[in-house]
């Protein structure tokens, strides 16, 4: 038996180890403790460095930590669900689930920035580097034909550009969004409001399997957790957290999708909304979002245009988008053909004035005048080393 101040600690025979040597059972136990959420768990980890040391601590060491107190300290030291933890470990292995810890290198950086992000994630599939370029698409469970068509089309086009589609696997818009991404041969991430072994809704069991093979499925809830109503608002912070922006396709004025949009705003993410029929309840939420300042979306490029400063390097090989994005922005301004030609030269990357002159075939004096005009219009800017780029 481990020598510890806490006699309730488990026997360590046949301990299942995580890939980096940490004992997974203590991470799971920390996640199971009553009245201790992710924020408090991270505070404890910052003091004790590992979950095992938290359980080995003494009452006085625990209770003086901010927001712990005597009651929560006792909940830690009196934790007695070790048999439940053993069953959880067995279920994880049996169902081929991977546990991703908050301290793991693979844990998404966007999620790590959220104060109450989970300390562990139950996962299937893989999170890849390109998944950081993701758009969330959410909306009504009781979608209209219009909503289904819009969600599936935009998801298809986003995935076709190489971006990842994030949604919550619910009926309606979520399901249409995941399917649209998969139809494009792209990637999609599903964030569940139940245990990762509980396909919900049940008819999405095959979709869940497809997402596991062509994307990433995650849940913060233990194996077997039912799809309780209170789980879904909590799930929504992860949907927005994994994304550069959130698109709401259809939503009533009390839709859970609006919670996702609110999380996005709090996390500094972009919020987009598709306008709808003013006589339809399914459009009340989206139309209100637009009134409050959400970006109105009529086509996929409305999203990509808004996110272009972040996506431009990722999309630099998408010549169709680059051309359209350029025209969408530039053609709204009073700009002549020579100025447009200069903008196209520096569209995807900053360039030295001498290179611009060579590629444009203009004399230095003429080019200087054009660049000055473009700077005054706020279209280009000069950066260090006589280099110019799109503002």
Protein backbone atom coordinates (compact mmCIF):
# COMPACT_ATOMS: atom_id res chain seq x y z
CA UNK A 1 0.00 0.00 0.00
CA UNK A 2 1.15 3.54 -0.73
CA UNK A 3 2.45 5.25 2.39
CA UNK A 4 0.21 8.26 2.85
CA UNK A 5 -1.56 10.40 5.38
CA UNK A 6 -4.86 9.36 3.82
CA UNK A 7 -5.85 5.76 4.73
CA UNK A 8 -8.61 5.83 2.10
CA UNK A 9 -6.17 5.70 -0.79
CA UNK A 10 -6.45 2.62 -3.03
CA UNK A 11 -4.19 -0.37 -3.27
CA UNK A 12 -1.83 0.20 -6.16
CA UNK A 13 -1.74 -3.34 -7.53
CA UNK A 14 -2.24 -3.47 -11.34
CA UNK A 15 -2.45 0.31 -11.53
CA UNK A 16 -3.29 1.61 -15.01
CA UNK A 17 -0.74 4.21 -16.01
CA UNK A 18 -1.27 7.12 -18.38
CA UNK A 19 1.15 7.45 -21.27
CA UNK A 20 3.34 10.01 -19.51
CA UNK A 21 3.66 8.01 -16.28
CA UNK A 22 0.97 9.78 -14.22
CA UNK A 23 -1.49 7.48 -12.49
CA UNK A 24 -4.74 7.90 -14.36
CA UNK A 25 -6.88 6.73 -11.46
CA UNK A 26 -6.03 9.86 -9.45
CA UNK A 27 -6.98 12.11 -12.37
CA UNK A 28 -10.30 10.32 -12.64
CA UNK A 29 -10.85 10.50 -8.88
CA UNK A 30 -10.15 14.23 -8.88
CA UNK A 31 -12.76 14.61 -11.59
CA UNK A 32 -15.28 12.65 -9.48
CA UNK A 33 -14.94 14.60 -6.23
CA UNK A 34 -18.17 16.23 -5.11
CA UNK A 35 -18.29 20.03 -5.15
CA UNK A 36 -14.93 20.53 -6.84
CA UNK A 37 -14.97 21.81 -10.41
CA UNK A 38 -12.28 22.38 -13.03
CA UNK A 39 -11.21 25.80 -11.71
CA UNK A 40 -10.64 24.46 -8.21
CA UNK A 41 -8.93 21.34 -9.55
CA UNK A 42 -6.45 23.47 -11.45
CA UNK A 43 -5.79 25.57 -8.36
CA UNK A 44 -5.03 22.38 -6.43
CA UNK A 45 -2.78 21.11 -9.19
CA UNK A 46 -0.86 24.38 -9.20
CA UNK A 47 -0.06 23.81 -5.52
CA UNK A 48 0.50 20.05 -5.38
CA UNK A 49 1.68 19.42 -8.98
CA UNK A 50 -0.13 16.08 -9.37
CA UNK A 51 -3.51 14.55 -8.43
CA UNK A 52 -1.86 11.84 -6.35
CA UNK A 53 -0.18 14.44 -4.13
CA UNK A 54 -3.54 16.14 -3.63
CA UNK A 55 -5.00 12.92 -2.21
CA UNK A 56 -1.90 12.41 -0.07
CA UNK A 57 -2.07 15.91 1.43
CA UNK A 58 -3.13 16.66 4.98
CA UNK A 59 -6.28 18.50 5.97
CA UNK A 60 -4.43 21.65 7.03
CA UNK A 61 -2.56 21.76 3.73
CA UNK A 62 -5.78 21.58 1.77
CA UNK A 63 -8.23 23.74 3.69
CA UNK A 64 -6.10 26.89 3.54
CA UNK A 65 -6.02 26.91 -0.26
CA UNK A 66 -8.24 29.53 -1.86
CA UNK A 67 -11.88 28.40 -2.23
CA UNK A 68 -11.21 24.99 -0.66
CA UNK A 69 -12.02 25.32 3.01
CA UNK A 70 -12.59 22.53 5.50
CA UNK A 71 -15.67 21.02 3.82
CA UNK A 72 -14.08 20.58 0.41
CA UNK A 73 -10.83 19.41 1.97
CA UNK A 74 -12.78 16.66 3.72
CA UNK A 75 -14.46 15.69 0.45
CA UNK A 76 -11.00 15.08 -0.97
CA UNK A 77 -9.58 13.17 1.97
CA UNK A 78 -12.75 11.12 2.50
CA UNK A 79 -13.13 10.18 -1.15
CA UNK A 80 -14.20 6.53 -1.18
CA UNK A 81 -15.31 5.79 -4.76
CA UNK A 82 -12.19 3.86 -5.68
CA UNK A 83 -14.26 0.86 -6.81
CA UNK A 84 -16.10 3.21 -9.16
CA UNK A 85 -12.76 4.42 -10.47
CA UNK A 86 -11.67 0.82 -11.17
CA UNK A 87 -14.88 0.26 -13.14
CA UNK A 88 -14.24 3.48 -15.05
CA UNK A 89 -10.74 2.35 -15.95
CA UNK A 90 -12.08 -0.99 -17.19
CA UNK A 91 -14.79 0.71 -19.26
CA UNK A 92 -12.24 3.11 -20.78
CA UNK A 93 -10.11 0.18 -21.89
CA UNK A 94 -13.05 -1.92 -23.07
CA UNK A 95 -14.57 0.87 -25.15
CA UNK A 96 -11.23 1.99 -26.60
CA UNK A 97 -11.52 5.50 -25.17
CA UNK A 98 -8.49 7.71 -24.72
CA UNK A 99 -8.21 10.07 -21.75
CA UNK A 100 -6.59 13.40 -22.51
CA UNK A 101 -5.37 15.31 -19.47
CA UNK A 102 -5.26 19.07 -19.10
CA UNK A 103 -1.47 18.85 -18.75
CA UNK A 104 -0.98 16.77 -21.91
CA UNK A 105 0.75 18.43 -24.82
CA UNK A 106 -2.07 17.35 -27.16
CA UNK A 107 -4.72 19.13 -25.10
CA UNK A 108 -6.08 21.87 -27.43
CA UNK A 109 -4.54 25.26 -26.70
CA UNK A 110 -7.87 27.04 -27.24
CA UNK A 111 -9.49 24.96 -24.51
CA UNK A 112 -6.59 25.48 -22.14
CA UNK A 113 -7.33 29.22 -22.30
CA UNK A 114 -10.80 28.68 -20.78
CA UNK A 115 -10.74 28.97 -16.99
CA UNK A 116 -13.19 26.12 -16.42
CA UNK A 117 -12.04 23.80 -19.19
CA UNK A 118 -12.14 20.12 -18.11
CA UNK A 119 -9.11 18.62 -16.43
CA UNK A 120 -9.72 15.44 -18.43
CA UNK A 121 -11.42 14.72 -21.74
CA UNK A 122 -12.79 11.37 -22.85
CA UNK A 123 -11.90 11.14 -26.53
CA UNK A 124 -12.18 9.03 -29.67
CA UNK A 125 -10.38 9.83 -32.88
CA UNK A 126 -7.61 12.41 -32.95
CA UNK A 127 -7.12 16.13 -32.60
CA UNK A 128 -4.66 17.35 -35.24
CA UNK A 129 -2.81 20.64 -35.60
CA UNK A 130 -5.10 21.84 -38.41
CA UNK A 131 -8.15 21.50 -36.16
CA UNK A 132 -7.26 24.82 -34.59
CA UNK A 133 -8.75 26.31 -37.76
CA UNK A 134 -12.32 25.41 -36.87
CA UNK A 135 -15.77 26.95 -37.19
CA UNK A 136 -18.63 25.89 -34.93
CA UNK A 137 -22.07 25.52 -36.48
CA UNK A 138 -25.03 25.21 -34.13
CA UNK A 139 -28.76 25.70 -34.20
CA UNK A 140 -32.22 24.37 -33.58
CA UNK A 141 -32.98 20.70 -32.96
CA UNK A 142 -36.29 21.27 -34.75
CA UNK A 143 -34.76 22.64 -37.91
CA UNK A 144 -36.65 23.61 -41.04
CA UNK A 145 -35.73 22.39 -44.52
CA UNK A 146 -34.16 25.82 -45.05
CA UNK A 147 -32.01 25.44 -41.94
CA UNK A 148 -30.90 21.93 -42.88
CA UNK A 149 -29.89 23.01 -46.37
CA UNK A 150 -27.98 26.07 -45.12
CA UNK A 151 -26.15 24.19 -42.35
CA UNK A 152 -25.16 21.28 -44.55
CA UNK A 153 -24.06 23.51 -47.42
CA UNK A 154 -21.93 25.85 -45.31
CA UNK A 155 -20.40 22.93 -43.41
CA UNK A 156 -19.59 21.23 -46.72
CA UNK A 157 -17.95 24.37 -48.10
CA UNK A 158 -16.02 25.10 -44.90
CA UNK A 159 -14.70 21.53 -44.78
CA UNK A 160 -13.87 21.69 -48.50
CA UNK A 161 -11.55 24.62 -47.73
CA UNK A 162 -9.71 22.48 -45.18
CA UNK A 163 -11.29 23.93 -42.05
CA UNK A 164 -12.80 21.78 -39.31
CA UNK A 165 -16.49 21.92 -38.39
CA UNK A 166 -17.36 21.75 -34.69
CA UNK A 167 -20.83 20.98 -33.37
CA UNK A 168 -22.68 19.17 -30.60
CA UNK A 169 -24.11 16.03 -32.28
CA UNK A 170 -27.69 16.99 -31.36
CA UNK A 171 -30.62 16.45 -33.68
CA UNK A 172 -31.25 19.10 -36.30
CA UNK A 173 -28.64 21.68 -37.26
CA UNK A 174 -25.81 19.95 -35.38
CA UNK A 175 -26.35 16.68 -37.22
CA UNK A 176 -26.68 18.44 -40.59
CA UNK A 177 -23.41 20.28 -39.95
CA UNK A 178 -21.44 17.15 -39.08
CA UNK A 179 -22.84 15.35 -42.13
CA UNK A 180 -22.01 18.26 -44.42
CA UNK A 181 -18.38 18.23 -43.30
CA UNK A 182 -18.08 14.48 -43.75
CA UNK A 183 -19.67 14.62 -47.21
CA UNK A 184 -16.90 17.02 -48.22
CA UNK A 185 -14.30 14.52 -47.04
CA UNK A 186 -13.33 16.97 -44.30
CA UNK A 187 -12.94 16.85 -40.56
CA UNK A 188 -15.48 17.45 -37.85
CA UNK A 189 -15.38 17.56 -34.06
CA UNK A 190 -18.35 16.47 -31.94
CA UNK A 191 -18.66 17.68 -28.35
CA UNK A 192 -21.07 15.48 -26.41
CA UNK A 193 -23.38 16.29 -23.53
CA UNK A 194 -23.30 12.69 -22.30
CA UNK A 195 -20.82 9.86 -21.88
CA UNK A 196 -18.74 9.16 -24.96
CA UNK A 197 -20.17 5.64 -25.03
CA UNK A 198 -23.76 6.91 -25.23
CA UNK A 199 -24.65 7.92 -28.80
CA UNK A 200 -27.25 10.64 -28.48
CA UNK A 201 -29.60 10.85 -30.16
CA UNK A 202 -29.55 7.05 -30.67
CA UNK A 203 -30.07 7.36 -34.43
CA UNK A 204 -26.67 9.10 -34.63
CA UNK A 205 -24.70 6.00 -33.61
CA UNK A 206 -23.27 5.56 -37.12
CA UNK A 207 -22.52 9.27 -37.35
CA UNK A 208 -20.60 9.07 -34.08
CA UNK A 209 -18.54 6.21 -35.47
CA UNK A 210 -17.82 8.16 -38.66
CA UNK A 211 -16.72 11.17 -36.64
CA UNK A 212 -14.41 8.97 -34.56
CA UNK A 213 -12.76 7.82 -37.79
CA UNK A 214 -12.72 11.18 -39.57
CA UNK A 215 -12.32 13.68 -36.80
CA UNK A 216 -12.58 13.86 -33.05
CA UNK A 217 -15.30 13.04 -30.53
CA UNK A 218 -14.96 14.37 -26.98
CA UNK A 219 -16.86 14.47 -23.71
CA UNK A 220 -16.02 15.74 -20.27
CA UNK A 221 -18.55 13.37 -18.70
CA UNK A 222 -17.72 9.92 -17.27
CA UNK A 223 -18.51 6.71 -19.13
CA UNK A 224 -22.23 5.95 -19.09
CA UNK A 225 -23.40 9.49 -18.24
CA UNK A 226 -26.92 9.95 -19.64
CA UNK A 227 -27.82 12.99 -21.77
CA UNK A 228 -29.19 15.00 -18.86
CA UNK A 229 -30.62 18.41 -19.72
CA UNK A 230 -28.16 20.28 -17.51
CA UNK A 231 -25.17 18.82 -19.35
CA UNK A 232 -25.76 20.64 -22.62
CA UNK A 233 -25.24 24.29 -21.59
CA UNK A 234 -22.02 23.15 -19.93
CA UNK A 235 -20.98 21.38 -23.13
CA UNK A 236 -21.53 24.54 -25.18
CA UNK A 237 -18.51 26.37 -23.75
CA UNK A 238 -16.30 23.69 -25.30
CA UNK A 239 -17.97 24.00 -28.70
CA UNK A 240 -17.18 27.70 -28.81
CA UNK A 241 -13.82 27.18 -27.14
CA UNK A 242 -12.59 24.88 -29.90
CA UNK A 243 -13.55 27.33 -32.65
CA UNK A 244 -12.43 30.59 -34.19
CA UNK A 245 -16.07 31.58 -34.45
CA UNK A 246 -19.61 30.31 -33.96
CA UNK A 247 -22.27 30.30 -36.67
CA UNK A 248 -25.89 30.07 -35.51
CA UNK A 249 -28.10 28.85 -38.35
CA UNK A 250 -31.54 28.64 -36.74
CA UNK A 251 -32.52 29.39 -33.15
CA UNK A 252 -35.59 30.33 -31.17
CA UNK A 253 -35.30 33.17 -28.70
CA UNK A 254 -34.56 30.71 -25.85
CA UNK A 255 -32.39 28.29 -27.81
CA UNK A 256 -29.34 26.68 -26.26
CA UNK A 257 -27.45 27.81 -29.35
CA UNK A 258 -27.61 31.34 -27.99
CA UNK A 259 -25.72 30.10 -24.93
CA UNK A 260 -22.97 28.92 -27.27
CA UNK A 261 -22.97 32.34 -28.93
CA UNK A 262 -22.68 34.04 -25.54
CA UNK A 263 -19.75 31.81 -24.58
CA UNK A 264 -18.11 32.75 -27.87
CA UNK A 265 -18.41 36.45 -27.06
CA UNK A 266 -16.99 35.91 -23.57
CA UNK A 267 -14.08 33.97 -25.08
CA UNK A 268 -13.36 36.70 -27.62
CA UNK A 269 -14.57 34.65 -30.57
CA UNK A 270 -16.56 35.85 -33.59
CA UNK A 271 -20.32 35.27 -33.72
CA UNK A 272 -22.13 34.76 -37.03
CA UNK A 273 -25.82 34.28 -37.75
CA UNK A 274 -27.90 33.30 -40.76
CA UNK A 275 -30.94 35.56 -41.23
CA UNK A 276 -34.31 33.89 -41.45
CA UNK A 277 -38.02 34.36 -41.99
CA UNK A 278 -39.27 37.09 -39.63
CA UNK A 279 -42.51 35.14 -39.14
CA UNK A 280 -40.72 31.96 -38.02
CA UNK A 281 -39.92 31.26 -34.37
CA UNK A 282 -36.83 29.41 -35.56
CA UNK A 283 -35.43 32.71 -36.81
CA UNK A 284 -36.12 34.84 -33.72
CA UNK A 285 -32.81 33.99 -32.07
CA UNK A 286 -30.66 34.42 -35.17
CA UNK A 287 -32.33 37.66 -36.26
CA UNK A 288 -31.91 39.06 -32.74
CA UNK A 289 -28.21 38.14 -32.80
CA UNK A 290 -27.80 40.10 -36.02
CA UNK A 291 -29.59 43.08 -34.46
CA UNK A 292 -27.12 42.93 -31.58
CA UNK A 293 -24.10 42.95 -33.88
CA UNK A 294 -23.48 39.37 -35.01
CA UNK A 295 -22.04 39.11 -38.51
CA UNK A 296 -24.85 38.43 -41.01
CA UNK A 297 -24.02 35.38 -43.12
CA UNK A 298 -25.54 34.78 -46.54
CA UNK A 299 -22.73 32.62 -47.89
CA UNK A 300 -19.66 30.82 -46.63
CA UNK A 301 -17.26 33.54 -47.76
CA UNK A 302 -18.94 35.97 -45.34
CA UNK A 303 -17.39 33.88 -42.55
CA UNK A 304 -14.01 33.43 -44.20
CA UNK A 305 -13.80 37.11 -45.06
CA UNK A 306 -14.37 38.11 -41.43
CA UNK A 307 -11.74 35.63 -40.23
CA UNK A 308 -9.30 36.32 -43.06
CA UNK A 309 -6.61 37.92 -40.82
CA UNK A 310 -6.39 34.61 -38.96
CA UNK A 311 -6.99 32.31 -41.90
CA UNK A 312 -4.99 33.99 -44.65
CA UNK A 313 -1.89 31.82 -44.23
CA UNK A 314 -4.00 28.67 -43.88
CA UNK A 315 -6.01 29.56 -47.01
CA UNK A 316 -3.14 31.01 -49.05
CA UNK A 317 -3.30 28.08 -51.48
CA UNK A 318 -7.06 28.48 -51.94
CA UNK A 319 -6.81 30.72 -54.99
CA UNK A 320 -10.57 30.87 -55.51
CA UNK A 321 -11.14 32.17 -52.00
CA UNK A 322 -8.17 34.53 -52.13
CA UNK A 323 -9.47 36.11 -55.31
CA UNK A 324 -13.03 36.39 -54.01
CA UNK A 325 -11.94 37.70 -50.64
CA UNK A 326 -9.77 40.29 -52.31
CA UNK A 327 -12.61 41.44 -54.56
CA UNK A 328 -15.14 41.49 -51.72
CA UNK A 329 -12.96 43.87 -49.74
CA UNK A 330 -11.33 45.95 -52.43
CA UNK A 331 -14.22 46.44 -54.87
CA UNK A 332 -16.18 48.23 -52.14
CA UNK A 333 -13.61 51.00 -52.21
CA UNK A 334 -12.72 53.56 -54.87
CA UNK A 335 -9.64 51.97 -56.30
CA UNK A 336 -8.21 51.97 -59.82
CA UNK A 337 -6.76 49.04 -61.75
CA UNK A 338 -3.15 49.92 -60.95
CA UNK A 339 -3.90 50.11 -57.22
CA UNK A 340 -5.76 46.80 -57.43
CA UNK A 341 -2.76 45.21 -59.16
CA UNK A 342 -0.47 46.30 -56.31
CA UNK A 343 -2.89 44.92 -53.73
CA UNK A 344 -2.98 41.56 -55.47
CA UNK A 345 0.82 41.36 -55.37
CA UNK A 346 0.89 41.76 -51.57
CA UNK A 347 -2.41 40.02 -50.92
CA UNK A 348 -1.03 36.89 -49.23
CA UNK A 349 2.26 38.13 -47.78
CA UNK A 350 4.19 41.30 -47.10
CA UNK A 351 6.78 42.26 -49.72
CA UNK A 352 9.69 44.67 -49.97
CA UNK A 353 9.06 47.74 -52.11
CA UNK A 354 11.76 46.64 -54.58
CA UNK A 355 10.05 43.27 -55.11
CA UNK A 356 6.69 44.99 -55.60
CA UNK A 357 8.28 47.26 -58.22
CA UNK A 358 9.83 44.31 -60.03
CA UNK A 359 6.62 42.24 -60.02
CA UNK A 360 4.42 45.16 -61.05
CA UNK A 361 6.83 46.55 -63.65
CA UNK A 362 6.30 50.07 -62.29
CA UNK A 363 8.96 52.69 -61.77
CA UNK A 364 9.90 53.38 -58.13
CA UNK A 365 8.47 56.92 -58.35
CA UNK A 366 5.10 55.77 -59.69
CA UNK A 367 4.90 52.87 -57.24
CA UNK A 368 5.68 55.20 -54.33
CA UNK A 369 2.72 57.39 -55.23
CA UNK A 370 0.34 54.43 -55.54
CA UNK A 371 1.45 52.94 -52.22
CA UNK A 372 0.96 56.32 -50.55
CA UNK A 373 -2.59 56.55 -51.89
CA UNK A 374 -3.36 53.02 -50.71
CA UNK A 375 -1.99 53.83 -47.26
CA UNK A 376 -4.16 56.93 -47.04
CA UNK A 377 -7.20 54.82 -47.93
CA UNK A 378 -6.28 52.37 -45.18
CA UNK A 379 -5.90 49.46 -47.58
CA UNK A 380 -2.17 48.79 -47.18
CA UNK A 381 0.35 49.59 -44.51
CA UNK A 382 4.12 49.83 -44.38
CA UNK A 383 5.95 47.65 -41.89
CA UNK A 384 9.58 47.33 -40.86
CA UNK A 385 12.18 47.19 -43.61
CA UNK A 386 10.24 49.01 -46.35
CA UNK A 387 7.82 46.11 -46.61
CA UNK A 388 4.14 46.54 -47.42
CA UNK A 389 1.14 44.37 -46.65
CA UNK A 390 -2.66 44.50 -46.74
CA UNK A 391 -4.00 46.31 -43.66
